[in-house]
Amino acid sequence: MASSLKSDLILGIESSCDETAAAVLRGPKQILSNVIASQVPIHRRWGGVVPELASRQHILSIDTVVNDALRQSGAGLDELGGIAVTYGPGLVGSLLVGISVAKAIALVKGLPLAAVNHIEGHIQSIFIEPDEVPLPMMALVVSGGHTSLYLVEAQGRYRALAHTRDDAAGEAYDKVAKLLGLGYPGGPVIDRLARSGDPKAVEFSRPRMTDRTLDFSFSGLKTAVLRWVQAHPEALAGEPAGGPVAGFEPRMASLPGTTGRPPSGDVGEPASPAGETSQQVLDLLASFQETLVSYLVDHTVKAARLHSARSLGMAGGVACNTLLRERMRDAGSTLGLPVFFPTPILTTDNAAMIASVGWHHLQRGQTAGLALNSDPAARL
């Protein structure tokens, strides 16, 4: 079915987890606004996202976020050509908030509605800024909730090659940080502190799948860190009992039309030293990160070779990790392939990536009805 959009302006809404986000794009690439309201201060005391608290906060924030996105873009609801909203995967209560608002606007304004898979949004974030990305691309989606490999064969055509069997990579970061009393989210803190440690100090083994798939598993690595901590109680003497590293504040990413908290790998410099972290703990963090990052990169390289990829891409909050970016660039250089990363603000959960996917869906006439519901376990 051909597109019948009255304009190229698309409102995107994202509420799959703990970020309330709205964005307005002109076409699939021109970001007019990208507003993100973070819930990190709410969930920090728990060391992770509490689903009920997340959905309640979405209800409180979403009207303001959508209105801010429209105001910053200079567009009114009557000027929109369509609406795109995340329907899954994610937390059911959080997803329903965004879906309800999107359906209400679509109904009142008579606008077409696009249902967008959250993972497709992350992959699409890789394509927003570059003029051209050689396909097929091997895409690693790595965040607090997802760790997957996809072969992107064409716009809107993906082949799932691997998923995590248990924890996601970002979840492993958060759980290790919580274990060591480093606060939430764990990614930025560990990324920074690991730079002062010896990545060879603690030997961690990588999981190996007996079925020879490219799937990931991080629960064993997380458990190995726990065992190390239990065996070295002296290393944590004097460590902070919880909360963020002293003085740590993430740096705001700068991109025209964007506001909000940067993703969990966009690490700002702390205003003061990071407490009294022992060298043993710094070495532990460096070894943990070295193992996790090399595991991610090695699987991506293996998949790229198996499927004759012409480029590498990486998206999701953990894609901001400095060591992971460095190692993926090195891997691309070894393979002779270009490597693409989104701007940091586009790696976190955001609505610009949802609007971009939605534009493509609506151009192809792929619309969702007002019976649209959430699918917390949606697969791409």
Protein backbone atom coordinates (compact mmCIF):
# COMPACT_ATOMS: atom_id res chain seq x y z
CA MET A 1 0.00 0.00 0.00
CA ALA A 2 1.43 3.39 -0.95
CA SER A 3 1.93 6.20 1.55
CA SER A 4 -0.68 8.97 1.77
CA LEU A 5 1.02 11.09 4.44
CA LYS A 6 -0.07 14.71 4.38
CA SER A 7 3.38 15.80 5.61
CA ASP A 8 6.85 14.42 6.36
CA LEU A 9 6.59 15.39 10.04
CA ILE A 10 6.47 12.36 12.35
CA LEU A 11 5.94 12.40 16.11
CA GLY A 12 7.70 9.52 17.85
CA ILE A 13 6.88 8.30 21.37
CA GLU A 14 9.06 5.88 23.39
CA SER A 15 8.23 4.54 26.86
CA SER A 16 9.44 0.94 26.85
CA CYS A 17 11.42 1.06 30.09
CA ASP A 18 12.45 4.01 32.27
CA GLU A 19 12.88 6.83 29.76
CA THR A 20 9.87 8.92 28.74
CA ALA A 21 10.74 10.27 25.30
CA ALA A 22 9.16 12.12 22.41
CA ALA A 23 10.67 13.46 19.19
CA VAL A 24 9.62 15.14 15.97
CA LEU A 25 11.44 14.27 12.75
CA ARG A 26 11.10 15.58 9.24
CA GLY A 27 11.51 12.45 7.17
CA PRO A 28 13.71 9.66 8.54
CA LYS A 29 16.81 11.73 9.36
CA GLN A 30 16.13 15.38 10.20
CA ILE A 31 15.69 15.64 13.97
CA LEU A 32 13.66 18.71 14.90
CA SER A 33 13.36 17.77 18.58
CA ASN A 34 14.33 14.84 20.79
CA VAL A 35 13.22 15.12 24.41
CA ILE A 36 14.10 12.49 27.03
CA ALA A 37 12.95 12.51 30.66
CA SER A 38 15.12 10.21 32.75
CA GLN A 39 13.99 8.22 35.78
CA VAL A 40 17.49 7.35 36.99
CA PRO A 41 17.17 9.29 40.30
CA ILE A 42 13.96 7.37 41.07
CA HIS A 43 15.40 3.89 40.45
CA ARG A 44 18.95 4.52 41.72
CA ARG A 45 18.18 3.60 45.34
CA TRP A 46 16.96 0.18 44.18
CA GLY A 47 19.95 -0.52 41.94
CA GLY A 48 17.72 -1.12 38.91
CA VAL A 49 14.40 -0.32 37.31
CA VAL A 50 11.25 -0.98 39.38
CA PRO A 51 8.49 -1.61 36.80
CA GLU A 52 5.58 -0.17 38.80
CA LEU A 53 7.48 3.00 39.65
CA ALA A 54 8.51 3.34 36.01
CA SER A 55 4.96 3.18 34.66
CA ARG A 56 3.70 5.68 37.25
CA GLN A 57 6.45 8.14 36.34
CA HIS A 58 5.65 7.78 32.62
CA ILE A 59 2.07 8.84 33.40
CA LEU A 60 3.35 11.92 35.22
CA SER A 61 5.88 12.88 32.53
CA ILE A 62 4.47 12.02 29.14
CA ASP A 63 2.22 15.03 28.53
CA THR A 64 5.05 17.43 29.33
CA VAL A 65 7.55 15.48 27.23
CA VAL A 66 5.28 15.34 24.17
CA ASN A 67 4.41 19.04 24.47
CA ASP A 68 8.09 19.96 24.82
CA ALA A 69 8.96 17.94 21.72
CA LEU A 70 6.27 19.69 19.69
CA ARG A 71 7.23 23.13 21.02
CA GLN A 72 10.94 22.65 20.30
CA SER A 73 10.21 21.40 16.79
CA GLY A 74 7.98 24.35 16.01
CA ALA A 75 5.28 21.97 14.77
CA GLY A 76 1.70 21.63 15.95
CA LEU A 77 -0.36 18.46 16.03
CA ASP A 78 -2.26 19.63 12.95
CA GLU A 79 0.98 19.74 10.96
CA LEU A 80 1.97 16.14 11.64
CA GLY A 81 1.82 13.47 8.98
CA GLY A 82 1.78 10.53 11.39
CA ILE A 83 2.66 9.12 14.79
CA ALA A 84 5.06 6.30 15.70
CA VAL A 85 5.10 4.54 19.05
CA THR A 86 7.03 1.67 20.63
CA TYR A 87 4.80 -1.36 21.21
CA GLY A 88 7.49 -3.76 22.52
CA PRO A 89 9.63 -5.32 23.77
CA GLY A 90 9.70 -3.71 27.20
CA LEU A 91 7.81 -3.35 30.46
CA VAL A 92 4.09 -3.82 29.89
CA GLY A 93 2.96 -0.95 32.11
CA SER A 94 5.48 1.46 30.63
CA LEU A 95 4.64 0.51 27.05
CA LEU A 96 0.91 1.02 27.62
CA VAL A 97 1.42 4.64 28.67
CA GLY A 98 3.09 5.59 25.39
CA ILE A 99 0.67 3.53 23.30
CA SER A 100 -2.37 5.10 24.97
CA VAL A 101 -1.17 8.64 24.30
CA ALA A 102 -0.19 7.84 20.71
CA LYS A 103 -3.57 6.23 19.98
CA ALA A 104 -5.43 9.17 21.55
CA ILE A 105 -3.60 11.71 19.37
CA ALA A 106 -4.04 9.55 16.26
CA LEU A 107 -7.78 9.23 16.91
CA VAL A 108 -8.44 12.90 17.65
CA LYS A 109 -6.31 14.21 14.76
CA GLY A 110 -7.10 11.45 12.27
CA LEU A 111 -3.42 10.54 11.84
CA PRO A 112 -1.94 7.20 10.75
CA LEU A 113 -0.24 5.26 13.52
CA ALA A 114 2.93 3.17 13.18
CA ALA A 115 3.76 0.44 15.70
CA VAL A 116 7.54 0.22 16.12
CA ASN A 117 9.65 -2.58 17.58
CA HIS A 118 12.05 -1.10 20.12
CA ILE A 119 14.97 -3.16 18.79
CA GLU A 120 14.35 -1.96 15.24
CA GLY A 121 14.49 1.55 16.66
CA HIS A 122 17.95 0.93 18.10
CA ILE A 123 19.18 -0.48 14.79
CA GLN A 124 17.66 2.47 12.93
CA SER A 125 19.59 4.90 15.15
CA ILE A 126 22.74 3.76 13.34
CA PHE A 127 21.28 5.00 10.04
CA ILE A 128 20.01 8.43 11.10
CA GLU A 129 23.26 10.38 10.69
CA PRO A 130 25.46 8.70 8.03
CA ASP A 131 24.68 9.41 4.38
CA GLU A 132 25.11 5.77 3.49
CA VAL A 133 25.76 2.51 5.36
CA PRO A 134 27.00 -0.43 3.26
CA LEU A 135 24.67 -3.42 3.54
CA PRO A 136 24.46 -6.08 4.73
CA MET A 137 25.52 -4.73 8.12
CA MET A 138 26.25 -6.80 11.22
CA ALA A 139 24.50 -4.91 14.04
CA LEU A 140 25.17 -5.48 17.72
CA VAL A 141 22.33 -4.17 19.90
CA VAL A 142 23.69 -3.98 23.42
CA SER A 143 21.94 -2.31 26.35
CA GLY A 144 20.56 -2.86 29.82
CA GLY A 145 17.77 -5.04 28.49
CA HIS A 146 19.09 -6.47 25.23
CA THR A 147 22.18 -8.09 23.77
CA SER A 148 21.57 -9.35 20.24
CA LEU A 149 23.17 -9.67 16.83
CA TYR A 150 21.21 -8.90 13.66
CA LEU A 151 22.17 -9.03 10.01
CA VAL A 152 20.60 -5.95 8.43
CA GLU A 153 20.01 -7.02 4.86
CA ALA A 154 17.98 -3.98 3.75
CA GLN A 155 15.84 -1.23 5.26
CA GLY A 156 13.23 -3.05 7.32
CA ARG A 157 14.67 -6.52 6.68
CA TYR A 158 16.60 -8.15 9.51
CA ARG A 159 17.87 -11.61 10.34
CA ALA A 160 18.21 -12.42 14.04
CA LEU A 161 21.45 -14.34 14.60
CA ALA A 162 22.02 -14.32 18.36
CA HIS A 163 20.47 -13.27 21.66
CA THR A 164 21.53 -13.42 25.28
CA ARG A 165 20.39 -16.56 27.09
CA ASP A 166 20.15 -14.76 30.45
CA ASP A 167 21.32 -11.31 31.53
CA ALA A 168 21.93 -8.54 29.03
CA ALA A 169 25.39 -6.96 28.98
CA GLY A 170 24.16 -3.71 30.51
CA GLU A 171 22.35 -5.66 33.22
CA ALA A 172 25.62 -7.39 34.07
CA TYR A 173 27.29 -3.97 34.45
CA ASP A 174 24.50 -2.78 36.73
CA LYS A 175 24.56 -5.90 38.91
CA VAL A 176 28.34 -5.81 39.32
CA ALA A 177 28.18 -2.13 40.23
CA LYS A 178 25.44 -2.83 42.77
CA LEU A 179 27.47 -5.68 44.27
CA LEU A 180 30.42 -3.33 44.76
CA GLY A 181 28.33 -0.40 46.02
CA LEU A 182 29.13 1.80 43.02
CA GLY A 183 25.59 2.99 42.33
CA TYR A 184 23.19 2.89 39.39
CA PRO A 185 23.51 2.91 36.43
CA GLY A 186 26.68 0.85 36.62
CA GLY A 187 27.95 1.26 33.06
CA PRO A 188 29.45 4.78 33.26
CA VAL A 189 31.05 4.21 36.66
CA ILE A 190 32.69 0.90 35.73
CA ASP A 191 33.79 2.28 32.35
CA ARG A 192 35.62 5.11 34.08
CA LEU A 193 37.11 3.22 37.02
CA ALA A 194 38.28 0.34 34.84
CA ARG A 195 40.71 2.69 33.10
CA SER A 196 42.80 2.71 36.29
CA GLY A 197 42.88 -1.08 36.63
CA ASP A 198 44.84 -3.98 35.16
CA PRO A 199 42.62 -5.91 32.72
CA LYS A 200 44.80 -9.01 33.13
CA ALA A 201 44.75 -9.09 36.93
CA VAL A 202 41.74 -11.41 37.28
CA GLU A 203 41.22 -14.25 34.86
CA PHE A 204 37.60 -14.80 33.89
CA SER A 205 36.51 -17.55 31.53
CA ARG A 206 34.05 -16.88 28.74
CA PRO A 207 30.89 -18.93 28.38
CA ARG A 208 30.80 -21.42 25.54
CA MET A 209 27.54 -22.59 24.02
CA THR A 210 27.39 -26.36 23.62
CA ASP A 211 25.06 -25.99 20.63
CA ARG A 212 27.69 -23.83 18.87
CA THR A 213 25.35 -20.89 18.40
CA LEU A 214 26.46 -17.26 18.59
CA ASP A 215 24.18 -16.65 21.58
CA PHE A 216 25.51 -14.73 24.57
CA SER A 217 25.46 -15.49 28.30
CA PHE A 218 26.57 -13.14 31.07
CA SER A 219 25.24 -14.77 34.23
CA GLY A 220 28.42 -16.83 34.65
CA LEU A 221 30.65 -13.76 34.44
CA LYS A 222 28.48 -11.95 36.96
CA THR A 223 28.66 -14.96 39.31
CA ALA A 224 32.45 -15.14 38.90
CA VAL A 225 32.69 -11.52 40.08
CA LEU A 226 30.55 -12.41 43.10
CA ARG A 227 32.82 -15.37 43.91
CA TRP A 228 35.89 -13.13 43.68
CA VAL A 229 34.33 -10.60 46.05
CA GLN A 230 33.47 -13.36 48.53
CA ALA A 231 37.05 -14.61 48.38
CA HIS A 232 38.59 -11.12 48.80
CA PRO A 233 36.57 -9.28 51.48
CA GLU A 234 39.57 -7.13 52.29
CA ALA A 235 39.38 -5.52 48.85
CA LEU A 236 36.08 -3.87 49.72
CA ALA A 237 37.19 -2.49 53.08
CA GLY A 238 36.33 1.19 53.05
CA GLU A 239 34.36 0.97 49.82
CA PRO A 240 31.21 3.09 49.53
CA ALA A 241 28.12 1.29 50.80
CA GLY A 242 26.04 2.45 47.87
CA GLY A 243 25.11 5.42 45.75
CA PRO A 244 26.91 6.97 42.80
CA VAL A 245 30.62 7.56 42.68
CA ALA A 246 31.43 10.80 44.50
CA GLY A 247 30.92 13.81 42.28
CA PHE A 248 29.91 11.82 39.25
CA GLU A 249 27.52 13.59 36.90
CA PRO A 250 26.92 12.44 33.32
CA ARG A 251 27.75 14.99 30.65
CA MET A 252 24.92 16.18 28.42
CA ALA A 253 25.32 15.08 24.83
CA SER A 254 25.06 17.89 22.28
CA LEU A 255 22.99 17.36 19.15
CA PRO A 256 20.68 19.95 17.57
CA GLY A 257 17.14 19.44 18.80
CA THR A 258 18.00 17.07 21.64
CA THR A 259 17.61 17.33 25.39
CA GLY A 260 17.81 14.89 28.25
CA ARG A 261 20.14 12.49 30.04
CA PRO A 262 22.90 10.89 27.99
CA PRO A 263 23.13 7.11 27.78
CA SER A 264 24.88 4.98 30.34
CA GLY A 265 28.22 5.03 28.55
CA ASP A 266 28.55 8.77 27.94
CA VAL A 267 30.82 9.31 30.90
CA GLY A 268 31.47 12.77 32.25
CA GLU A 269 34.51 13.52 34.37
CA PRO A 270 33.75 13.47 38.09
CA ALA A 271 34.05 16.69 40.04
CA SER A 272 36.12 14.91 42.70
CA PRO A 273 38.04 11.62 42.99
CA ALA A 274 35.92 8.47 43.04
CA GLY A 275 36.12 7.73 46.75
CA GLU A 276 38.69 5.32 48.12
CA THR A 277 38.36 2.55 45.56
CA SER A 278 41.11 0.01 46.18
CA GLN A 279 43.50 -1.06 43.44
CA GLN A 280 42.18 -4.60 43.79
CA VAL A 281 38.68 -3.44 42.93
CA LEU A 282 39.95 -1.32 40.03
CA ASP A 283 41.75 -4.40 38.70
CA LEU A 284 38.60 -6.47 39.15
CA LEU A 285 36.53 -3.93 37.19
CA ALA A 286 39.11 -3.71 34.42
CA SER A 287 39.23 -7.51 34.13
CA PHE A 288 35.43 -7.79 34.15
CA GLN A 289 35.09 -5.15 31.44
CA GLU A 290 37.91 -6.63 29.35
CA THR A 291 36.23 -10.04 29.39
CA LEU A 292 32.77 -8.71 28.57
CA VAL A 293 33.92 -6.38 25.79
CA SER A 294 36.17 -8.92 24.08
CA TYR A 295 33.31 -11.43 24.24
CA LEU A 296 30.94 -9.00 22.48
CA VAL A 297 33.47 -8.02 19.83
CA ASP A 298 34.62 -11.57 19.09
CA HIS A 299 31.05 -12.74 18.51
CA THR A 300 30.32 -9.76 16.28
CA VAL A 301 33.44 -10.41 14.20
CA LYS A 302 32.65 -14.12 13.89
CA ALA A 303 29.10 -13.35 12.74
CA ALA A 304 30.32 -10.71 10.28
CA ARG A 305 32.71 -13.22 8.68
CA LEU A 306 30.09 -15.97 8.53
CA HIS A 307 27.56 -13.74 6.79
CA SER A 308 29.89 -11.64 4.60
CA ALA A 309 28.88 -8.34 6.20
CA ARG A 310 29.99 -5.15 4.48
CA SER A 311 29.88 -3.01 7.63
CA LEU A 312 29.62 -3.22 11.42
CA GLY A 313 27.17 -1.28 13.56
CA MET A 314 26.47 -0.96 17.26
CA ALA A 315 23.55 0.59 19.14
CA GLY A 316 22.03 0.66 22.61
CA GLY A 317 23.25 2.29 25.81
CA VAL A 318 26.31 0.06 26.24
CA ALA A 319 27.41 1.12 22.73
CA CYS A 320 28.74 4.26 24.44
CA ASN A 321 31.27 2.26 26.44
CA THR A 322 34.68 3.66 25.56
CA LEU A 323 36.54 0.33 25.49
CA LEU A 324 33.81 -1.33 23.43
CA ARG A 325 33.91 1.46 20.85
CA GLU A 326 37.70 1.28 20.67
CA ARG A 327 37.73 -2.50 20.24
CA MET A 328 34.94 -2.46 17.65
CA ARG A 329 36.81 0.14 15.60
CA ASP A 330 39.91 -2.06 15.78
CA ALA A 331 37.86 -5.08 14.68
CA GLY A 332 36.47 -3.13 11.75
CA SER A 333 39.96 -2.09 10.73
CA THR A 334 41.15 -5.71 10.87
CA LEU A 335 38.20 -6.85 8.75
CA GLY A 336 38.48 -3.90 6.38
CA LEU A 337 34.91 -2.84 7.21
CA PRO A 338 33.51 0.57 8.21
CA VAL A 339 32.08 0.77 11.72
CA PHE A 340 29.05 2.93 12.58
CA PHE A 341 27.91 4.22 15.99
CA PRO A 342 25.03 6.59 16.73
CA THR A 343 25.67 9.89 18.47
CA PRO A 344 25.64 9.13 22.24
CA ILE A 345 22.22 10.68 22.86
CA LEU A 346 20.78 8.36 20.19
CA THR A 347 22.16 5.21 21.79
CA THR A 348 19.95 5.47 24.85
CA ASP A 349 16.21 4.83 24.65
CA ASN A 350 14.94 7.79 22.63
CA ALA A 351 12.00 8.68 20.40
CA ALA A 352 13.97 9.97 17.42
CA MET A 353 14.85 6.40 16.46
CA ILE A 354 11.18 5.41 16.84
CA ALA A 355 10.00 8.27 14.64
CA SER A 356 12.61 7.38 12.01
CA VAL A 357 11.41 3.76 11.82
CA GLY A 358 7.81 4.95 11.87
CA TRP A 359 8.40 7.18 8.85
CA HIS A 360 9.58 4.18 6.85
CA HIS A 361 6.62 2.08 8.00
CA LEU A 362 4.11 4.76 7.04
CA GLN A 363 5.81 5.31 3.68
CA ARG A 364 5.18 1.63 2.98
CA GLY A 365 1.58 1.91 4.15
CA GLN A 366 2.23 -0.20 7.25
CA THR A 367 -0.18 1.23 9.82
CA ALA A 368 -1.52 -0.01 13.14
CA GLY A 369 -5.15 0.24 14.18
CA LEU A 370 -6.53 1.67 17.40
CA ALA A 371 -6.68 -1.87 18.78
CA LEU A 372 -2.86 -1.78 19.05
CA ASN A 373 -1.67 -3.35 22.30
CA SER A 374 1.73 -3.79 23.95
CA ASP A 375 3.86 -6.86 23.35
CA PRO A 376 6.46 -7.01 26.16
CA ALA A 377 8.25 -9.97 24.53
CA ALA A 378 8.09 -8.76 20.91
CA ARG A 379 10.74 -10.21 18.61
CA LEU A 380 12.23 -8.50 15.60
